[in-house]
Amino acid sequence: MGRVTERRRVVRIRDGAVSARPDTLVAEEPLEIRLGGRPLAITMRTPGDDFALAAGFLVSEGVLGRAEELAGIAYCAGATGDGGNTYNVVDVRLAAGVPLPSITLERNVYTTSSCGLCGKASLDAVRTTARWPVADEPPVRVTPAVLAALPERLRAAQRVFDRTGGLHAAGLFSPEGELLDLREDVGRHNAVDKLVGRALQDGRLPLSRCVLLVSGRASFELAQKAVMAGIPVLAAVSAPSSLAVDLAEEAGLTLVGFLRGASMNVYAGAERVTV
């Protein structure tokens, strides 16, 4: 799995018995995203699917919306002082005619694997304008039984989690519960960006017939990413934030939290959950 995981020596203590053994850890490294050669953002991520991550991030920022707007993504050669390539810097080129956003101190952001975007000037700066309304015609309908089965299906498909126990996952499902795509990352927001970025590259946006499931909680940022990708249903195994609920109600997003077994809370858009 390359740089996705790393081996470290640990001292293991079990019931008073001490032993030394190697342990497999999930890798975490910075990724700098440049736009037209200019620095835009730095995120702490698990290496892998870096181009999809960069593309998905730009979808969530309102810069990209269609595959033809993306001219190319490449690792930056000579990223180090001695001319080496760290594979931790990518440059995104927009197609001719696609406007470059204003890259200012307010927009140039730093993200972490735990909380996502930090350093935004205000809530208004985060609340970007969606390319598409959350409009699913005919309306998406999903049953509680389908929703209840999704976390186990997501967990069963997590290959790296099995080795490390330290990764978040985001999965795209059909309304019938079929797993369409899955991405893992040390940050749940990165996992969603990887999903959305791959969909952009494949020309599949908007994802208007999909259910997005995320491990952990549903923050405002994850609700924003769902809305920007045109996803009508976002489910999380833990709690949503108040701002995530506000955005879901405003945008028409169905937001499900505390999805654990047959138990769940529907915080917005309950009309899509058919009982």
C-alpha atoms as a PDB file:
ATOM      1  CA  MET A   1       0.000   0.000   0.000  1.00  0.00           C
ATOM      2  CA  GLY A   2       3.033   2.262  -0.293  1.00  0.00           C
ATOM      3  CA  ARG A   3       2.925   5.436   1.757  1.00  0.00           C
ATOM      4  CA  VAL A   4      -0.662   4.866   2.849  1.00  0.00           C
ATOM      5  CA  THR A   5       0.677   2.987   5.878  1.00  0.00           C
ATOM      6  CA  GLU A   6       3.940   2.965   7.836  1.00  0.00           C
ATOM      7  CA  ARG A   7       5.479   0.545  10.322  1.00  0.00           C
ATOM      8  CA  ARG A   8       6.545   1.644  13.805  1.00  0.00           C
ATOM      9  CA  ARG A   9       7.939  -0.284  16.785  1.00  0.00           C
ATOM     10  CA  VAL A  10       5.695  -0.230  19.842  1.00  0.00           C
ATOM     11  CA  VAL A  11       5.827  -1.598  23.358  1.00  0.00           C
ATOM     12  CA  ARG A  12       2.669  -3.630  23.894  1.00  0.00           C
ATOM     13  CA  ILE A  13       1.262  -4.172  27.370  1.00  0.00           C
ATOM     14  CA  ARG A  14      -1.483  -6.749  27.803  1.00  0.00           C
ATOM     15  CA  ASP A  15      -2.607  -7.931  31.242  1.00  0.00           C
ATOM     16  CA  GLY A  16       0.752  -6.967  32.731  1.00  0.00           C
ATOM     17  CA  ALA A  17       2.793  -8.744  30.025  1.00  0.00           C
ATOM     18  CA  VAL A  18       5.210  -6.503  28.086  1.00  0.00           C
ATOM     19  CA  SER A  19       6.427  -7.209  24.563  1.00  0.00           C
ATOM     20  CA  ALA A  20       7.924  -5.280  21.650  1.00  0.00           C
ATOM     21  CA  ARG A  21       6.399  -5.592  18.205  1.00  0.00           C
ATOM     22  CA  PRO A  22       5.942  -3.660  14.950  1.00  0.00           C
ATOM     23  CA  ASP A  23       2.640  -1.906  14.415  1.00  0.00           C
ATOM     24  CA  THR A  24       1.025  -0.618  11.233  1.00  0.00           C
ATOM     25  CA  LEU A  25       0.008   3.049  11.320  1.00  0.00           C
ATOM     26  CA  VAL A  26      -1.885   5.152   8.822  1.00  0.00           C
ATOM     27  CA  ALA A  27       0.394   7.680   7.125  1.00  0.00           C
ATOM     28  CA  GLU A  28      -0.269  11.387   7.534  1.00  0.00           C
ATOM     29  CA  GLU A  29       1.569  13.950   5.409  1.00  0.00           C
ATOM     30  CA  PRO A  30       0.885  17.507   4.231  1.00  0.00           C
ATOM     31  CA  LEU A  31      -0.417  18.153   0.741  1.00  0.00           C
ATOM     32  CA  GLU A  32      -0.073  21.642  -0.706  1.00  0.00           C
ATOM     33  CA  ILE A  33      -2.635  22.451  -3.377  1.00  0.00           C
ATOM     34  CA  ARG A  34      -1.588  25.078  -5.895  1.00  0.00           C
ATOM     35  CA  LEU A  35      -3.850  26.671  -8.485  1.00  0.00           C
ATOM     36  CA  GLY A  36      -2.123  27.887 -11.610  1.00  0.00           C
ATOM     37  CA  GLY A  37       1.196  27.773  -9.769  1.00  0.00           C
ATOM     38  CA  ARG A  38      -0.011  29.820  -6.800  1.00  0.00           C
ATOM     39  CA  PRO A  39      -0.446  28.279  -3.314  1.00  0.00           C
ATOM     40  CA  LEU A  40      -4.087  27.855  -2.346  1.00  0.00           C
ATOM     41  CA  ALA A  41      -4.323  25.402   0.563  1.00  0.00           C
ATOM     42  CA  ILE A  42      -2.443  22.878   2.671  1.00  0.00           C
ATOM     43  CA  THR A  43      -4.196  19.817   4.033  1.00  0.00           C
ATOM     44  CA  MET A  44      -2.970  17.007   6.243  1.00  0.00           C
ATOM     45  CA  ARG A  45      -3.967  13.824   4.476  1.00  0.00           C
ATOM     46  CA  THR A  46      -3.252  10.152   3.900  1.00  0.00           C
ATOM     47  CA  PRO A  47      -1.242   9.935   0.630  1.00  0.00           C
ATOM     48  CA  GLY A  48      -3.181   8.435  -2.245  1.00  0.00           C
ATOM     49  CA  ASP A  49      -5.860   9.784  -4.600  1.00  0.00           C
ATOM     50  CA  ASP A  50      -4.094  13.151  -4.326  1.00  0.00           C
ATOM     51  CA  PHE A  51      -5.344  14.426  -7.683  1.00  0.00           C
ATOM     52  CA  ALA A  52      -8.924  13.487  -6.802  1.00  0.00           C
ATOM     53  CA  LEU A  53      -8.473  15.169  -3.413  1.00  0.00           C
ATOM     54  CA  ALA A  54      -7.334  18.403  -5.051  1.00  0.00           C
ATOM     55  CA  ALA A  55     -10.174  18.318  -7.587  1.00  0.00           C
ATOM     56  CA  GLY A  56     -12.760  17.603  -4.897  1.00  0.00           C
ATOM     57  CA  PHE A  57     -11.450  20.414  -2.727  1.00  0.00           C
ATOM     58  CA  LEU A  58     -11.899  22.812  -5.642  1.00  0.00           C
ATOM     59  CA  VAL A  59     -15.447  21.567  -6.171  1.00  0.00           C
ATOM     60  CA  SER A  60     -16.238  22.312  -2.526  1.00  0.00           C
ATOM     61  CA  GLU A  61     -14.714  25.768  -2.960  1.00  0.00           C
ATOM     62  CA  GLY A  62     -16.884  26.497  -6.003  1.00  0.00           C
ATOM     63  CA  VAL A  63     -13.930  26.693  -8.413  1.00  0.00           C
ATOM     64  CA  LEU A  64     -14.737  23.526 -10.406  1.00  0.00           C
ATOM     65  CA  GLY A  65     -18.032  21.936 -11.345  1.00  0.00           C
ATOM     66  CA  ARG A  66     -17.461  19.968 -14.534  1.00  0.00           C
ATOM     67  CA  ALA A  67     -14.713  17.737 -15.902  1.00  0.00           C
ATOM     68  CA  GLU A  68     -14.093  20.007 -18.906  1.00  0.00           C
ATOM     69  CA  GLU A  69     -13.186  22.880 -16.574  1.00  0.00           C
ATOM     70  CA  LEU A  70     -10.133  20.937 -15.374  1.00  0.00           C
ATOM     71  CA  ALA A  71      -7.127  21.105 -17.714  1.00  0.00           C
ATOM     72  CA  GLY A  72      -4.832  18.946 -15.614  1.00  0.00           C
ATOM     73  CA  ILE A  73      -3.232  18.166 -12.268  1.00  0.00           C
ATOM     74  CA  ALA A  74       0.431  17.319 -11.732  1.00  0.00           C
ATOM     75  CA  TYR A  75       2.880  16.833  -8.899  1.00  0.00           C
ATOM     76  CA  CYS A  76       5.322  19.725  -8.729  1.00  0.00           C
ATOM     77  CA  ALA A  77       8.840  18.668  -9.668  1.00  0.00           C
ATOM     78  CA  GLY A  78      11.590  20.292  -7.645  1.00  0.00           C
ATOM     79  CA  ALA A  79       9.356  20.740  -4.628  1.00  0.00           C
ATOM     80  CA  THR A  80      12.411  20.603  -2.348  1.00  0.00           C
ATOM     81  CA  GLY A  81      15.474  22.790  -2.198  1.00  0.00           C
ATOM     82  CA  ASP A  82      17.651  20.130  -3.827  1.00  0.00           C
ATOM     83  CA  GLY A  83      15.220  19.689  -6.722  1.00  0.00           C
ATOM     84  CA  GLY A  84      13.632  16.484  -5.457  1.00  0.00           C
ATOM     85  CA  ASN A  85       9.943  15.659  -5.607  1.00  0.00           C
ATOM     86  CA  THR A  86       8.164  15.031  -2.325  1.00  0.00           C
ATOM     87  CA  TYR A  87       4.870  14.136  -4.029  1.00  0.00           C
ATOM     88  CA  ASN A  88       3.304  16.436  -1.444  1.00  0.00           C
ATOM     89  CA  VAL A  89       2.682  19.405  -3.755  1.00  0.00           C
ATOM     90  CA  VAL A  90       0.160  19.360  -6.602  1.00  0.00           C
ATOM     91  CA  ASP A  91      -0.623  22.079  -9.125  1.00  0.00           C
ATOM     92  CA  VAL A  92      -4.090  22.309 -10.664  1.00  0.00           C
ATOM     93  CA  ARG A  93      -4.524  23.905 -14.100  1.00  0.00           C
ATOM     94  CA  LEU A  94      -7.918  25.228 -15.085  1.00  0.00           C
ATOM     95  CA  ALA A  95      -9.223  25.054 -18.632  1.00  0.00           C
ATOM     96  CA  ALA A  96      -9.128  28.163 -20.785  1.00  0.00           C
ATOM     97  CA  GLY A  97     -11.900  30.554 -19.852  1.00  0.00           C
ATOM     98  CA  VAL A  98     -12.453  29.195 -16.352  1.00  0.00           C
ATOM     99  CA  PRO A  99     -11.971  32.148 -13.992  1.00  0.00           C
ATOM    100  CA  LEU A 100      -9.315  31.937 -11.317  1.00  0.00           C
ATOM    101  CA  PRO A 101     -10.609  32.707  -7.829  1.00  0.00           C
ATOM    102  CA  SER A 102      -9.127  35.535  -5.854  1.00  0.00           C
ATOM    103  CA  ILE A 103      -6.333  33.956  -3.822  1.00  0.00           C
ATOM    104  CA  THR A 104      -6.040  36.152  -0.736  1.00  0.00           C
ATOM    105  CA  LEU A 105      -5.050  35.616   2.854  1.00  0.00           C
ATOM    106  CA  GLU A 106      -8.720  34.983   3.596  1.00  0.00           C
ATOM    107  CA  ARG A 107      -8.951  32.314   0.920  1.00  0.00           C
ATOM    108  CA  ASN A 108      -5.523  30.751   1.392  1.00  0.00           C
ATOM    109  CA  VAL A 109      -6.427  28.152   3.998  1.00  0.00           C
ATOM    110  CA  TYR A 110      -4.828  25.528   6.177  1.00  0.00           C
ATOM    111  CA  THR A 111      -6.693  22.337   6.894  1.00  0.00           C
ATOM    112  CA  THR A 112      -6.086  19.641   9.462  1.00  0.00           C
ATOM    113  CA  SER A 113      -7.010  15.988   9.500  1.00  0.00           C
ATOM    114  CA  SER A 114      -9.256  16.458  12.524  1.00  0.00           C
ATOM    115  CA  CYS A 115     -11.327  19.571  11.966  1.00  0.00           C
ATOM    116  CA  GLY A 116     -11.084  20.350   8.266  1.00  0.00           C
ATOM    117  CA  LEU A 117     -10.939  23.940   7.113  1.00  0.00           C
ATOM    118  CA  CYS A 118      -9.384  26.442   9.492  1.00  0.00           C
ATOM    119  CA  GLY A 119      -8.603  30.112   9.005  1.00  0.00           C
ATOM    120  CA  LYS A 120     -11.655  31.112   6.976  1.00  0.00           C
ATOM    121  CA  ALA A 121     -12.393  34.790   7.430  1.00  0.00           C
ATOM    122  CA  SER A 122     -16.059  34.252   8.235  1.00  0.00           C
ATOM    123  CA  LEU A 123     -19.004  31.910   7.905  1.00  0.00           C
ATOM    124  CA  ASP A 124     -19.959  33.755   4.715  1.00  0.00           C
ATOM    125  CA  ALA A 125     -16.610  32.792   3.182  1.00  0.00           C
ATOM    126  CA  VAL A 126     -17.323  29.120   3.844  1.00  0.00           C
ATOM    127  CA  ARG A 127     -20.916  29.244   2.609  1.00  0.00           C
ATOM    128  CA  THR A 128     -20.068  29.210  -1.111  1.00  0.00           C
ATOM    129  CA  THR A 129     -22.626  29.213  -3.887  1.00  0.00           C
ATOM    130  CA  ALA A 130     -23.537  25.767  -5.175  1.00  0.00           C
ATOM    131  CA  ARG A 131     -23.355  25.009  -8.890  1.00  0.00           C
ATOM    132  CA  TRP A 132     -26.532  22.935  -8.721  1.00  0.00           C
ATOM    133  CA  PRO A 133     -29.505  22.962  -6.385  1.00  0.00           C
ATOM    134  CA  VAL A 134     -30.065  19.798  -4.393  1.00  0.00           C
ATOM    135  CA  ALA A 135     -32.757  18.798  -6.882  1.00  0.00           C
ATOM    136  CA  ASP A 136     -33.406  15.093  -7.325  1.00  0.00           C
ATOM    137  CA  GLU A 137     -36.041  14.440  -9.981  1.00  0.00           C
ATOM    138  CA  PRO A 138     -37.693  12.059  -9.570  1.00  0.00           C
ATOM    139  CA  PRO A 139     -37.232  12.460  -5.808  1.00  0.00           C
ATOM    140  CA  VAL A 140     -34.747  10.122  -4.117  1.00  0.00           C
ATOM    141  CA  ARG A 141     -36.357   7.870  -1.547  1.00  0.00           C
ATOM    142  CA  VAL A 142     -34.425   5.691   0.897  1.00  0.00           C
ATOM    143  CA  THR A 143     -35.834   3.380   3.556  1.00  0.00           C
ATOM    144  CA  PRO A 144     -34.639   3.188   7.164  1.00  0.00           C
ATOM    145  CA  ALA A 145     -33.673  -0.447   6.533  1.00  0.00           C
ATOM    146  CA  VAL A 146     -31.337   0.579   3.690  1.00  0.00           C
ATOM    147  CA  LEU A 147     -29.804   3.359   5.798  1.00  0.00           C
ATOM    148  CA  ALA A 148     -29.309   0.987   8.735  1.00  0.00           C
ATOM    149  CA  ALA A 149     -27.287  -1.401   6.563  1.00  0.00           C
ATOM    150  CA  LEU A 150     -24.910   1.226   5.155  1.00  0.00           C
ATOM    151  CA  PRO A 151     -22.393   1.562   8.046  1.00  0.00           C
ATOM    152  CA  GLU A 152     -21.625  -2.165   8.033  1.00  0.00           C
ATOM    153  CA  ARG A 153     -21.238  -2.168   4.259  1.00  0.00           C
ATOM    154  CA  LEU A 154     -18.884   0.797   4.497  1.00  0.00           C
ATOM    155  CA  ARG A 155     -16.860  -0.809   7.278  1.00  0.00           C
ATOM    156  CA  ALA A 156     -16.577  -4.121   5.408  1.00  0.00           C
ATOM    157  CA  ALA A 157     -15.036  -2.334   2.412  1.00  0.00           C
ATOM    158  CA  GLN A 158     -12.375  -0.432   4.404  1.00  0.00           C
ATOM    159  CA  ARG A 159      -9.159  -2.249   3.486  1.00  0.00           C
ATOM    160  CA  VAL A 160      -6.704   0.124   5.180  1.00  0.00           C
ATOM    161  CA  PHE A 161      -8.764   0.452   8.358  1.00  0.00           C
ATOM    162  CA  ASP A 162      -8.428  -3.293   8.841  1.00  0.00           C
ATOM    163  CA  ARG A 163      -4.661  -2.866   9.117  1.00  0.00           C
ATOM    164  CA  THR A 164      -4.478   0.381  11.090  1.00  0.00           C
ATOM    165  CA  GLY A 165      -7.782   1.083  12.850  1.00  0.00           C
ATOM    166  CA  GLY A 166      -7.046   4.766  12.257  1.00  0.00           C
ATOM    167  CA  LEU A 167      -8.874   5.896   9.119  1.00  0.00           C
ATOM    168  CA  HIS A 168     -12.121   7.639   8.358  1.00  0.00           C
ATOM    169  CA  ALA A 169     -14.178   6.606   5.369  1.00  0.00           C
ATOM    170  CA  ALA A 170     -16.708   8.177   3.043  1.00  0.00           C
ATOM    171  CA  GLY A 171     -18.891   6.090   0.784  1.00  0.00           C
ATOM    172  CA  LEU A 172     -21.293   6.813  -2.050  1.00  0.00           C
ATOM    173  CA  PHE A 173     -24.326   4.544  -2.194  1.00  0.00           C
ATOM    174  CA  SER A 174     -27.325   4.201  -4.442  1.00  0.00           C
ATOM    175  CA  PRO A 175     -30.757   4.746  -2.849  1.00  0.00           C
ATOM    176  CA  GLU A 176     -31.061   0.947  -2.859  1.00  0.00           C
ATOM    177  CA  GLY A 177     -27.896   0.574  -0.748  1.00  0.00           C
ATOM    178  CA  GLU A 178     -25.362  -0.440  -3.427  1.00  0.00           C
ATOM    179  CA  LEU A 179     -21.837   0.784  -2.660  1.00  0.00           C
ATOM    180  CA  LEU A 180     -20.730   2.902  -5.639  1.00  0.00           C
ATOM    181  CA  ASP A 181     -17.407   4.249  -4.395  1.00  0.00           C
ATOM    182  CA  LEU A 182     -15.399   4.465  -1.174  1.00  0.00           C
ATOM    183  CA  ARG A 183     -12.372   6.499  -0.104  1.00  0.00           C
ATOM    184  CA  GLU A 184     -10.379   6.391   3.135  1.00  0.00           C
ATOM    185  CA  ASP A 185      -8.293   9.126   4.719  1.00  0.00           C
ATOM    186  CA  VAL A 186      -7.047  10.255   8.111  1.00  0.00           C
ATOM    187  CA  GLY A 187      -9.470  13.177   7.658  1.00  0.00           C
ATOM    188  CA  ARG A 188     -13.122  12.581   6.868  1.00  0.00           C
ATOM    189  CA  HIS A 189     -13.288  15.816   4.865  1.00  0.00           C
ATOM    190  CA  ASN A 190     -10.423  14.550   2.690  1.00  0.00           C
ATOM    191  CA  ALA A 191     -12.229  11.250   2.133  1.00  0.00           C
ATOM    192  CA  VAL A 192     -15.262  13.174   0.863  1.00  0.00           C
ATOM    193  CA  ASP A 193     -13.095  15.369  -1.372  1.00  0.00           C
ATOM    194  CA  LYS A 194     -11.535  12.233  -2.875  1.00  0.00           C
ATOM    195  CA  LEU A 195     -14.995  10.851  -3.665  1.00  0.00           C
ATOM    196  CA  VAL A 196     -16.224  14.105  -5.175  1.00  0.00           C
ATOM    197  CA  GLY A 197     -12.992  14.717  -7.071  1.00  0.00           C
ATOM    198  CA  ARG A 198     -13.117  11.274  -8.667  1.00  0.00           C
ATOM    199  CA  ALA A 199     -16.730  11.922  -9.670  1.00  0.00           C
ATOM    200  CA  LEU A 200     -15.684  15.238 -11.253  1.00  0.00           C
ATOM    201  CA  GLN A 201     -12.848  13.572 -13.180  1.00  0.00           C
ATOM    202  CA  ASP A 202     -15.267  10.910 -14.438  1.00  0.00           C
ATOM    203  CA  GLY A 203     -17.878  13.479 -15.476  1.00  0.00           C
ATOM    204  CA  ARG A 204     -20.436  12.240 -12.944  1.00  0.00           C
ATOM    205  CA  LEU A 205     -21.337  15.513 -11.214  1.00  0.00           C
ATOM    206  CA  PRO A 206     -23.861  16.350  -9.904  1.00  0.00           C
ATOM    207  CA  LEU A 207     -24.306  13.253  -7.730  1.00  0.00           C
ATOM    208  CA  SER A 208     -28.058  13.755  -7.590  1.00  0.00           C
ATOM    209  CA  ARG A 209     -28.943  10.051  -7.200  1.00  0.00           C
ATOM    210  CA  CYS A 210     -26.516   9.237  -4.386  1.00  0.00           C
ATOM    211  CA  VAL A 211     -26.422   8.840  -0.629  1.00  0.00           C
ATOM    212  CA  LEU A 212     -23.205   9.966   1.086  1.00  0.00           C
ATOM    213  CA  LEU A 213     -22.216   8.158   4.296  1.00  0.00           C
ATOM    214  CA  VAL A 214     -19.377   9.442   6.477  1.00  0.00           C
ATOM    215  CA  SER A 215     -17.762   7.868   9.502  1.00  0.00           C
ATOM    216  CA  GLY A 216     -17.847  10.062  12.584  1.00  0.00           C
ATOM    217  CA  ARG A 217     -19.772  13.297  12.871  1.00  0.00           C
ATOM    218  CA  ALA A 218     -21.391  15.526  10.235  1.00  0.00           C
ATOM    219  CA  SER A 219     -19.867  18.988  10.391  1.00  0.00           C
ATOM    220  CA  PHE A 220     -20.935  22.109   8.493  1.00  0.00           C
ATOM    221  CA  GLU A 221     -18.045  21.518   6.110  1.00  0.00           C
ATOM    222  CA  LEU A 222     -19.209  18.011   5.196  1.00  0.00           C
ATOM    223  CA  ALA A 223     -22.750  19.268   4.626  1.00  0.00           C
ATOM    224  CA  GLN A 224     -21.294  21.981   2.411  1.00  0.00           C
ATOM    225  CA  LYS A 225     -19.330  19.443   0.372  1.00  0.00           C
ATOM    226  CA  ALA A 226     -22.459  17.339  -0.110  1.00  0.00           C
ATOM    227  CA  VAL A 227     -24.439  20.367  -1.273  1.00  0.00           C
ATOM    228  CA  MET A 228     -21.676  21.510  -3.641  1.00  0.00           C
ATOM    229  CA  ALA A 229     -21.649  18.055  -5.255  1.00  0.00           C
ATOM    230  CA  GLY A 230     -25.436  17.987  -5.601  1.00  0.00           C
ATOM    231  CA  ILE A 231     -25.838  15.051  -3.186  1.00  0.00           C
ATOM    232  CA  PRO A 232     -29.399  14.853  -1.759  1.00  0.00           C
ATOM    233  CA  VAL A 233     -28.773  12.629   1.298  1.00  0.00           C
ATOM    234  CA  LEU A 234     -25.937  12.832   3.845  1.00  0.00           C
ATOM    235  CA  ALA A 235     -25.763  10.271   6.660  1.00  0.00           C
ATOM    236  CA  ALA A 236     -23.290  10.067   9.545  1.00  0.00           C
ATOM    237  CA  VAL A 237     -22.738   7.526  12.269  1.00  0.00           C
ATOM    238  CA  SER A 238     -22.328  10.289  14.848  1.00  0.00           C
ATOM    239  CA  ALA A 239     -23.847  13.684  15.604  1.00  0.00           C
ATOM    240  CA  PRO A 240     -24.285  16.633  13.249  1.00  0.00           C
ATOM    241  CA  SER A 241     -23.405  20.170  14.231  1.00  0.00           C
ATOM    242  CA  SER A 242     -26.046  22.882  14.506  1.00  0.00           C
ATOM    243  CA  LEU A 243     -24.628  24.686  11.463  1.00  0.00           C
ATOM    244  CA  ALA A 244     -24.749  21.461   9.442  1.00  0.00           C
ATOM    245  CA  VAL A 245     -28.464  21.184  10.253  1.00  0.00           C
ATOM    246  CA  ASP A 246     -29.019  24.849   9.366  1.00  0.00           C
ATOM    247  CA  LEU A 247     -27.314  24.408   5.997  1.00  0.00           C
ATOM    248  CA  ALA A 248     -29.188  21.169   5.286  1.00  0.00           C
ATOM    249  CA  GLU A 249     -32.544  22.850   5.971  1.00  0.00           C
ATOM    250  CA  GLU A 250     -31.588  25.840   3.833  1.00  0.00           C
ATOM    251  CA  ALA A 251     -30.293  23.796   0.888  1.00  0.00           C
ATOM    252  CA  GLY A 252     -32.865  21.001   0.919  1.00  0.00           C
ATOM    253  CA  LEU A 253     -30.364  18.336   1.986  1.00  0.00           C
ATOM    254  CA  THR A 254     -31.555  15.282   3.905  1.00  0.00           C
ATOM    255  CA  LEU A 255     -29.304  14.954   6.969  1.00  0.00           C
ATOM    256  CA  VAL A 256     -29.257  11.760   9.048  1.00  0.00           C
ATOM    257  CA  GLY A 257     -27.189  11.438  12.233  1.00  0.00           C
ATOM    258  CA  PHE A 258     -26.491   8.822  14.893  1.00  0.00           C
ATOM    259  CA  LEU A 259     -26.946   6.085  12.282  1.00  0.00           C
ATOM    260  CA  ARG A 260     -26.340   3.041  14.435  1.00  0.00           C
ATOM    261  CA  GLY A 261     -28.106  -0.185  13.652  1.00  0.00           C
ATOM    262  CA  ALA A 262     -31.817   0.371  13.246  1.00  0.00           C
ATOM    263  CA  SER A 263     -31.631   3.644  15.211  1.00  0.00           C
ATOM    264  CA  MET A 264     -31.125   7.043  13.555  1.00  0.00           C
ATOM    265  CA  ASN A 265     -32.133  10.702  13.809  1.00  0.00           C
ATOM    266  CA  VAL A 266     -33.314  12.621  10.737  1.00  0.00           C
ATOM    267  CA  TYR A 267     -32.444  16.285  11.269  1.00  0.00           C
ATOM    268  CA  ALA A 268     -33.552  17.709   7.912  1.00  0.00           C
ATOM    269  CA  GLY A 269     -35.234  16.544   4.730  1.00  0.00           C
ATOM    270  CA  ALA A 270     -37.240  13.741   6.358  1.00  0.00           C
ATOM    271  CA  GLU A 271     -39.453  13.511   3.264  1.00  0.00           C
ATOM    272  CA  ARG A 272     -36.746  11.429   1.506  1.00  0.00           C
ATOM    273  CA  VAL A 273     -36.728   8.798   4.279  1.00  0.00           C
ATOM    274  CA  THR A 274     -39.726   6.563   3.644  1.00  0.00           C
ATOM    275  CA  VAL A 275     -41.076   4.709   6.641  1.00  0.00           C
END
